């Protein structure tokens, strides 16, 4: 009976020692993460979009005003006699 008790105790100590050294005795390998690239923000527009819209609107109004005064080129109708 003593022999089996010593055998069980030795097996338990061997098992606990094996699990304690499961990671090995070598130093840990620390991997450095790859360097992160700095994300560049997209370059902003040099002019405000409001000015672009106002410019297009002004160009359309000017074109409409020029077209409205362009009726003088049509010959005047002659009355039927």
PDB file of N, CA and C in Angstrom:
ATOM      1  N   UNK A   1       0.809  -1.183   0.000  1.00  0.00           N
ATOM      2  CA  UNK A   1       0.000   0.000   0.000  1.00  0.00           C
ATOM      3  C   UNK A   1       0.858   1.255   0.000  1.00  0.00           C
ATOM      4  N   UNK A   2       1.960   1.227   0.700  1.00  0.00           N
ATOM      5  CA  UNK A   2       2.847   2.392   0.746  1.00  0.00           C
ATOM      6  C   UNK A   2       3.420   2.670  -0.620  1.00  0.00           C
ATOM      7  N   UNK A   3       3.696   1.632  -1.339  1.00  0.00           N
ATOM      8  CA  UNK A   3       4.288   1.810  -2.662  1.00  0.00           C
ATOM      9  C   UNK A   3       3.315   2.546  -3.581  1.00  0.00           C
ATOM     10  N   UNK A   4       2.055   2.213  -3.564  1.00  0.00           N
ATOM     11  CA  UNK A   4       1.077   2.858  -4.419  1.00  0.00           C
ATOM     12  C   UNK A   4       0.850   4.322  -3.996  1.00  0.00           C
ATOM     13  N   UNK A   5       0.932   4.630  -2.723  1.00  0.00           N
ATOM     14  CA  UNK A   5       0.773   6.002  -2.257  1.00  0.00           C
ATOM     15  C   UNK A   5       1.932   6.862  -2.747  1.00  0.00           C
ATOM     16  N   UNK A   6       3.148   6.323  -2.661  1.00  0.00           N
ATOM     17  CA  UNK A   6       4.308   7.050  -3.160  1.00  0.00           C
ATOM     18  C   UNK A   6       4.246   7.213  -4.678  1.00  0.00           C
ATOM     19  N   UNK A   7       3.748   6.195  -5.347  1.00  0.00           N
ATOM     20  CA  UNK A   7       3.627   6.258  -6.809  1.00  0.00           C
ATOM     21  C   UNK A   7       2.589   7.309  -7.218  1.00  0.00           C
ATOM     22  N   UNK A   8       1.467   7.366  -6.514  1.00  0.00           N
ATOM     23  CA  UNK A   8       0.427   8.362  -6.825  1.00  0.00           C
ATOM     24  C   UNK A   8       0.946   9.772  -6.524  1.00  0.00           C
ATOM     25  N   UNK A   9       1.665   9.945  -5.423  1.00  0.00           N
ATOM     26  CA  UNK A   9       2.220  11.255  -5.077  1.00  0.00           C
ATOM     27  C   UNK A   9       3.261  11.691  -6.097  1.00  0.00           C
ATOM     28  N   UNK A  10       4.113  10.786  -6.533  1.00  0.00           N
ATOM     29  CA  UNK A  10       5.126  11.103  -7.536  1.00  0.00           C
ATOM     30  C   UNK A  10       4.474  11.454  -8.874  1.00  0.00           C
ATOM     31  N   UNK A  11       3.430  10.733  -9.240  1.00  0.00           N
ATOM     32  CA  UNK A  11       2.723  11.021 -10.490  1.00  0.00           C
ATOM     33  C   UNK A  11       2.061  12.396 -10.423  1.00  0.00           C
ATOM     34  N   UNK A  12       1.479  12.734  -9.281  1.00  0.00           N
ATOM     35  CA  UNK A  12       0.831  14.032  -9.117  1.00  0.00           C
ATOM     36  C   UNK A  12       1.853  15.159  -9.180  1.00  0.00           C
ATOM     37  N   UNK A  13       3.007  14.977  -8.557  1.00  0.00           N
ATOM     38  CA  UNK A  13       4.057  16.005  -8.617  1.00  0.00           C
ATOM     39  C   UNK A  13       4.617  16.141 -10.029  1.00  0.00           C
ATOM     40  N   UNK A  14       4.771  15.041 -10.725  1.00  0.00           N
ATOM     41  CA  UNK A  14       5.264  15.084 -12.100  1.00  0.00           C
ATOM     42  C   UNK A  14       4.269  15.805 -13.005  1.00  0.00           C
ATOM     43  N   UNK A  15       2.988  15.504 -12.816  1.00  0.00           N
ATOM     44  CA  UNK A  15       1.952  16.143 -13.622  1.00  0.00           C
ATOM     45  C   UNK A  15       1.891  17.650 -13.346  1.00  0.00           C
ATOM     46  N   UNK A  16       1.989  18.043 -12.079  1.00  0.00           N
ATOM     47  CA  UNK A  16       1.931  19.471 -11.762  1.00  0.00           C
ATOM     48  C   UNK A  16       3.181  20.193 -12.252  1.00  0.00           C
ATOM     49  N   UNK A  17       4.317  19.553 -12.226  1.00  0.00           N
ATOM     50  CA  UNK A  17       5.539  20.172 -12.739  1.00  0.00           C
ATOM     51  C   UNK A  17       5.472  20.317 -14.258  1.00  0.00           C
ATOM     52  N   UNK A  18       4.863  19.334 -14.913  1.00  0.00           N
ATOM     53  CA  UNK A  18       4.747  19.384 -16.377  1.00  0.00           C
ATOM     54  C   UNK A  18       3.807  20.510 -16.801  1.00  0.00           C
ATOM     55  N   UNK A  19       2.730  20.714 -16.069  1.00  0.00           N
ATOM     56  CA  UNK A  19       1.806  21.790 -16.438  1.00  0.00           C
ATOM     57  C   UNK A  19       2.385  23.153 -16.093  1.00  0.00           C
ATOM     58  N   UNK A  20       3.233  23.220 -15.071  1.00  0.00           N
ATOM     59  CA  UNK A  20       3.845  24.508 -14.717  1.00  0.00           C
ATOM     60  C   UNK A  20       4.846  24.945 -15.774  1.00  0.00           C
ATOM     61  N   UNK A  21       5.504  24.001 -16.414  1.00  0.00           N
ATOM     62  CA  UNK A  21       6.494  24.317 -17.449  1.00  0.00           C
ATOM     63  C   UNK A  21       5.940  24.112 -18.854  1.00  0.00           C
ATOM     64  N   UNK A  22       4.653  24.115 -19.004  1.00  0.00           N
ATOM     65  CA  UNK A  22       4.055  23.845 -20.306  1.00  0.00           C
ATOM     66  C   UNK A  22       4.449  24.902 -21.326  1.00  0.00           C
ATOM     67  N   UNK A  23       4.697  26.106 -20.870  1.00  0.00           N
ATOM     68  CA  UNK A  23       5.075  27.167 -21.793  1.00  0.00           C
ATOM     69  C   UNK A  23       6.531  27.102 -22.187  1.00  0.00           C
ATOM     70  N   UNK A  24       7.296  26.301 -21.528  1.00  0.00           N
ATOM     71  CA  UNK A  24       8.712  26.190 -21.839  1.00  0.00           C
ATOM     72  C   UNK A  24       9.517  27.176 -21.006  1.00  0.00           C
ATOM     73  N   UNK A  25      10.816  27.017 -21.032  1.00  0.00           N
ATOM     74  CA  UNK A  25      11.686  27.872 -20.242  1.00  0.00           C
ATOM     75  C   UNK A  25      12.346  28.960 -21.066  1.00  0.00           C
ATOM     76  N   UNK A  26      12.063  28.992 -22.361  1.00  0.00           N
ATOM     77  CA  UNK A  26      12.676  30.017 -23.209  1.00  0.00           C
ATOM     78  C   UNK A  26      12.007  31.364 -22.952  1.00  0.00           C
ATOM     79  N   UNK A  27      12.741  32.447 -23.198  1.00  0.00           N
ATOM     80  CA  UNK A  27      12.136  33.772 -22.975  1.00  0.00           C
ATOM     81  C   UNK A  27      10.990  34.015 -23.963  1.00  0.00           C
ATOM     82  N   UNK A  28      10.072  34.839 -23.553  1.00  0.00           N
ATOM     83  CA  UNK A  28       8.916  35.139 -24.405  1.00  0.00           C
ATOM     84  C   UNK A  28       9.361  35.911 -25.630  1.00  0.00           C
ATOM     85  N   UNK A  29       8.747  35.596 -26.741  1.00  0.00           N
ATOM     86  CA  UNK A  29       9.044  36.309 -27.982  1.00  0.00           C
ATOM     87  C   UNK A  29       7.998  37.410 -28.134  1.00  0.00           C
ATOM     88  N   UNK A  30       8.448  38.621 -28.069  1.00  0.00           N
ATOM     89  CA  UNK A  30       7.544  39.757 -28.217  1.00  0.00           C
ATOM     90  C   UNK A  30       7.590  40.225 -29.659  1.00  0.00           C
ATOM     91  N   UNK A  31       6.492  40.089 -30.351  1.00  0.00           N
ATOM     92  CA  UNK A  31       6.432  40.547 -31.730  1.00  0.00           C
ATOM     93  C   UNK A  31       5.957  41.991 -31.737  1.00  0.00           C
ATOM     94  N   UNK A  32       6.680  42.813 -32.458  1.00  0.00           N
ATOM     95  CA  UNK A  32       6.266  44.214 -32.565  1.00  0.00           C
ATOM     96  C   UNK A  32       5.227  44.319 -33.670  1.00  0.00           C
ATOM     97  N   UNK A  33       4.164  45.031 -33.421  1.00  0.00           N
ATOM     98  CA  UNK A  33       3.144  45.185 -34.466  1.00  0.00           C
ATOM     99  C   UNK A  33       3.709  46.031 -35.596  1.00  0.00           C
ATOM    100  N   UNK A  34       3.201  45.826 -36.809  1.00  0.00           N
ATOM    101  CA  UNK A  34       3.691  46.639 -37.922  1.00  0.00           C
ATOM    102  C   UNK A  34       3.352  48.107 -37.686  1.00  0.00           C
ATOM    103  N   UNK A  35       4.214  49.002 -38.119  1.00  0.00           N
ATOM    104  CA  UNK A  35       3.936  50.430 -37.890  1.00  0.00           C
ATOM    105  C   UNK A  35       2.688  50.870 -38.649  1.00  0.00           C
ATOM    106  N   UNK A  36       1.890  51.641 -37.970  1.00  0.00           N
ATOM    107  CA  UNK A  36       0.661  52.146 -38.583  1.00  0.00           C
ATOM    108  C   UNK A  36       0.995  53.362 -39.435  1.00  0.00           C
ATOM    109  N   UNK A  37       0.448  53.372 -40.633  1.00  0.00           N
ATOM    110  CA  UNK A  37       0.654  54.528 -41.500  1.00  0.00           C
ATOM    111  C   UNK A  37      -0.273  55.653 -41.059  1.00  0.00           C
ATOM    112  N   UNK A  38       0.248  56.848 -41.057  1.00  0.00           N
ATOM    113  CA  UNK A  38      -0.582  57.993 -40.714  1.00  0.00           C
ATOM    114  C   UNK A  38      -1.553  58.237 -41.858  1.00  0.00           C
ATOM    115  N   UNK A  39      -2.812  58.247 -41.518  1.00  0.00           N
ATOM    116  CA  UNK A  39      -3.816  58.476 -42.551  1.00  0.00           C
ATOM    117  C   UNK A  39      -3.878  59.968 -42.854  1.00  0.00           C
ATOM    118  N   UNK A  40      -3.644  60.286 -44.088  1.00  0.00           N
ATOM    119  CA  UNK A  40      -3.707  61.677 -44.509  1.00  0.00           C
ATOM    120  C   UNK A  40      -5.160  62.037 -44.775  1.00  0.00           C
ATOM    121  N   UNK A  41      -5.567  63.167 -44.273  1.00  0.00           N
ATOM    122  CA  UNK A  41      -6.909  63.642 -44.560  1.00  0.00           C
ATOM    123  C   UNK A  41      -6.930  64.180 -45.984  1.00  0.00           C
ATOM    124  N   UNK A  42      -8.036  63.972 -46.692  1.00  0.00           N
ATOM    125  CA  UNK A  42      -8.094  64.497 -48.052  1.00  0.00           C
ATOM    126  C   UNK A  42      -8.025  66.016 -48.039  1.00  0.00           C
ATOM    127  N   UNK A  43      -7.329  66.537 -49.014  1.00  0.00           N
ATOM    128  CA  UNK A  43      -7.178  67.988 -49.100  1.00  0.00           C
ATOM    129  C   UNK A  43      -8.538  68.625 -49.360  1.00  0.00           C
ATOM    130  N   UNK A  44      -8.833  69.652 -48.613  1.00  0.00           N
ATOM    131  CA  UNK A  44     -10.107  70.339 -48.781  1.00  0.00           C
ATOM    132  C   UNK A  44     -10.095  71.225 -50.011  1.00  0.00           C
ATOM    133  N   UNK A  45     -11.267  71.606 -50.436  1.00  0.00           N
ATOM    134  CA  UNK A  45     -11.387  72.475 -51.591  1.00  0.00           C
ATOM    135  C   UNK A  45     -10.880  73.867 -51.234  1.00  0.00           C
ATOM    136  N   UNK A  46     -10.299  74.547 -52.215  1.00  0.00           N
ATOM    137  CA  UNK A  46      -9.755  75.867 -51.933  1.00  0.00           C
ATOM    138  C   UNK A  46     -10.853  76.932 -51.866  1.00  0.00           C
ATOM    139  N   UNK A  47     -12.015  76.660 -52.488  1.00  0.00           N
ATOM    140  CA  UNK A  47     -13.124  77.602 -52.401  1.00  0.00           C
ATOM    141  C   UNK A  47     -14.327  76.907 -51.798  1.00  0.00           C
ATOM    142  N   UNK A  48     -15.131  77.683 -51.176  1.00  0.00           N
ATOM    143  CA  UNK A  48     -16.331  77.174 -50.541  1.00  0.00           C
ATOM    144  C   UNK A  48     -17.330  76.759 -51.621  1.00  0.00           C
ATOM    145  N   UNK A  49     -18.041  75.667 -51.408  1.00  0.00           N
ATOM    146  CA  UNK A  49     -19.001  75.192 -52.410  1.00  0.00           C
ATOM    147  C   UNK A  49     -20.167  76.166 -52.574  1.00  0.00           C
ATOM    148  N   UNK A  50     -20.423  76.990 -51.569  1.00  0.00           N
ATOM    149  CA  UNK A  50     -21.494  77.985 -51.684  1.00  0.00           C
ATOM    150  C   UNK A  50     -21.191  78.984 -52.792  1.00  0.00           C
ATOM    151  N   UNK A  51     -19.913  79.366 -52.909  1.00  0.00           N
ATOM    152  CA  UNK A  51     -19.539  80.309 -53.966  1.00  0.00           C
ATOM    153  C   UNK A  51     -19.708  79.689 -55.350  1.00  0.00           C
ATOM    154  N   UNK A  52     -19.448  78.421 -55.472  1.00  0.00           N
ATOM    155  CA  UNK A  52     -19.618  77.740 -56.756  1.00  0.00           C
ATOM    156  C   UNK A  52     -21.088  77.727 -57.152  1.00  0.00           C
ATOM    157  N   UNK A  53     -21.963  77.398 -56.202  1.00  0.00           N
ATOM    158  CA  UNK A  53     -23.394  77.360 -56.489  1.00  0.00           C
ATOM    159  C   UNK A  53     -23.912  78.754 -56.829  1.00  0.00           C
ATOM    160  N   UNK A  54     -23.464  79.771 -56.091  1.00  0.00           N
ATOM    161  CA  UNK A  54     -23.887  81.145 -56.400  1.00  0.00           C
ATOM    162  C   UNK A  54     -23.389  81.577 -57.780  1.00  0.00           C
ATOM    163  N   UNK A  55     -22.186  81.180 -58.159  1.00  0.00           N
ATOM    164  CA  UNK A  55     -21.660  81.520 -59.478  1.00  0.00           C
ATOM    165  C   UNK A  55     -22.468  80.875 -60.596  1.00  0.00           C
ATOM    166  N   UNK A  56     -22.839  79.609 -60.405  1.00  0.00           N
ATOM    167  CA  UNK A  56     -23.655  78.927 -61.422  1.00  0.00           C
ATOM    168  C   UNK A  56     -25.028  79.571 -61.515  1.00  0.00           C
ATOM    169  N   UNK A  57     -25.607  79.906 -60.374  1.00  0.00           N
ATOM    170  CA  UNK A  57     -26.919  80.559 -60.373  1.00  0.00           C
ATOM    171  C   UNK A  57     -26.857  81.922 -61.055  1.00  0.00           C
ATOM    172  N   UNK A  58     -25.807  82.690 -60.790  1.00  0.00           N
ATOM    173  CA  UNK A  58     -25.658  83.994 -61.437  1.00  0.00           C
ATOM    174  C   UNK A  58     -25.480  83.833 -62.940  1.00  0.00           C
ATOM    175  N   UNK A  59     -24.717  82.834 -63.378  1.00  0.00           N
ATOM    176  CA  UNK A  59     -24.530  82.599 -64.807  1.00  0.00           C
ATOM    177  C   UNK A  59     -25.847  82.219 -65.480  1.00  0.00           C
ATOM    178  N   UNK A  60     -26.664  81.417 -64.805  1.00  0.00           N
ATOM    179  CA  UNK A  60     -27.973  81.064 -65.372  1.00  0.00           C
ATOM    180  C   UNK A  60     -28.898  82.281 -65.458  1.00  0.00           C
ATOM    181  N   UNK A  61     -28.874  83.146 -64.428  1.00  0.00           N
ATOM    182  CA  UNK A  61     -29.719  84.350 -64.463  1.00  0.00           C
ATOM    183  C   UNK A  61     -29.274  85.308 -65.568  1.00  0.00           C
ATOM    184  N   UNK A  62     -27.960  85.432 -65.748  1.00  0.00           N
ATOM    185  CA  UNK A  62     -27.457  86.302 -66.812  1.00  0.00           C
ATOM    186  C   UNK A  62     -27.837  85.745 -68.182  1.00  0.00           C
ATOM    187  N   UNK A  63     -27.719  84.414 -68.336  1.00  0.00           N
ATOM    188  CA  UNK A  63     -28.091  83.802 -69.616  1.00  0.00           C
ATOM    189  C   UNK A  63     -29.581  83.964 -69.878  1.00  0.00           C
ATOM    190  N   UNK A  64     -30.411  83.875 -68.857  1.00  0.00           N
ATOM    191  CA  UNK A  64     -31.855  84.060 -69.028  1.00  0.00           C
ATOM    192  C   UNK A  64     -32.175  85.510 -69.385  1.00  0.00           C
ATOM    193  N   UNK A  65     -31.459  86.468 -68.787  1.00  0.00           N
ATOM    194  CA  UNK A  65     -31.710  87.879 -69.096  1.00  0.00           C
ATOM    195  C   UNK A  65     -31.289  88.202 -70.522  1.00  0.00           C
ATOM    196  N   UNK A  66     -30.202  87.634 -70.976  1.00  0.00           N
ATOM    197  CA  UNK A  66     -29.753  87.879 -72.358  1.00  0.00           C
ATOM    198  C   UNK A  66     -30.733  87.260 -73.338  1.00  0.00           C
ATOM    199  N   UNK A  67     -31.241  86.071 -73.025  1.00  0.00           N
ATOM    200  CA  UNK A  67     -32.188  85.401 -73.906  1.00  0.00           C
ATOM    201  C   UNK A  67     -33.518  86.144 -73.963  1.00  0.00           C
ATOM    202  N   UNK A  68     -33.930  86.778 -72.878  1.00  0.00           N
ATOM    203  CA  UNK A  68     -35.209  87.476 -72.847  1.00  0.00           C
ATOM    204  C   UNK A  68     -35.171  88.728 -73.716  1.00  0.00           C
ATOM    205  N   UNK A  69     -34.039  89.378 -73.838  1.00  0.00           N
ATOM    206  CA  UNK A  69     -33.923  90.589 -74.643  1.00  0.00           C
ATOM    207  C   UNK A  69     -33.547  90.284 -76.086  1.00  0.00           C
ATOM    208  N   UNK A  70     -33.537  89.062 -76.483  1.00  0.00           N
ATOM    209  CA  UNK A  70     -33.091  88.655 -77.815  1.00  0.00           C
ATOM    210  C   UNK A  70     -34.255  88.590 -78.801  1.00  0.00           C
ATOM    211  N   UNK A  71     -35.407  89.120 -78.439  1.00  0.00           N
ATOM    212  CA  UNK A  71     -36.574  89.045 -79.319  1.00  0.00           C
ATOM    213  C   UNK A  71     -36.521  90.059 -80.457  1.00  0.00           C
ATOM    214  N   UNK A  72     -35.590  90.988 -80.440  1.00  0.00           N
ATOM    215  CA  UNK A  72     -35.532  92.027 -81.462  1.00  0.00           C
ATOM    216  C   UNK A  72     -35.055  91.500 -82.806  1.00  0.00           C
ATOM    217  N   UNK A  73     -34.483  90.371 -82.866  1.00  0.00           N
ATOM    218  CA  UNK A  73     -33.956  89.835 -84.132  1.00  0.00           C
ATOM    219  C   UNK A  73     -35.065  89.308 -85.029  1.00  0.00           C
ATOM    220  N   UNK A  74     -36.215  89.013 -84.469  1.00  0.00           N
ATOM    221  CA  UNK A  74     -37.307  88.470 -85.285  1.00  0.00           C
ATOM    222  C   UNK A  74     -37.918  89.601 -86.113  1.00  0.00           C
ATOM    223  N   UNK A  75     -38.169  89.354 -87.387  1.00  0.00           N
ATOM    224  CA  UNK A  75     -38.843  90.405 -88.179  1.00  0.00           C
ATOM    225  C   UNK A  75     -40.280  90.592 -87.689  1.00  0.00           C
ATOM    226  N   UNK A  76     -40.717  91.813 -87.762  1.00  0.00           N
ATOM    227  CA  UNK A  76     -42.071  92.096 -87.322  1.00  0.00           C
ATOM    228  C   UNK A  76     -43.046  91.535 -88.350  1.00  0.00           C
ATOM    229  N   UNK A  77     -44.131  90.989 -87.879  1.00  0.00           N
ATOM    230  CA  UNK A  77     -45.100  90.420 -88.831  1.00  0.00           C
ATOM    231  C   UNK A  77     -45.799  91.552 -89.597  1.00  0.00           C
ATOM    232  N   UNK A  78     -46.014  91.290 -90.829  1.00  0.00           N
ATOM    233  CA  UNK A  78     -46.720  92.264 -91.659  1.00  0.00           C
ATOM    234  C   UNK A  78     -48.207  91.958 -91.628  1.00  0.00           C
ATOM    235  N   UNK A  79     -49.008  93.011 -91.547  1.00  0.00           N
ATOM    236  CA  UNK A  79     -50.466  92.756 -91.520  1.00  0.00           C
ATOM    237  C   UNK A  79     -50.954  92.290 -92.891  1.00  0.00           C
ATOM    238  N   UNK A  80     -51.825  91.345 -92.884  1.00  0.00           N
ATOM    239  CA  UNK A  80     -52.423  90.842 -94.145  1.00  0.00           C
ATOM    240  C   UNK A  80     -53.420  91.878 -94.633  1.00  0.00           C
ATOM    241  N   UNK A  81     -53.274  92.251 -95.879  1.00  0.00           N
ATOM    242  CA  UNK A  81     -54.165  93.277 -96.405  1.00  0.00           C
ATOM    243  C   UNK A  81     -55.225  92.690 -97.182  1.00  0.00           C
TER     244      UNK A  81
END
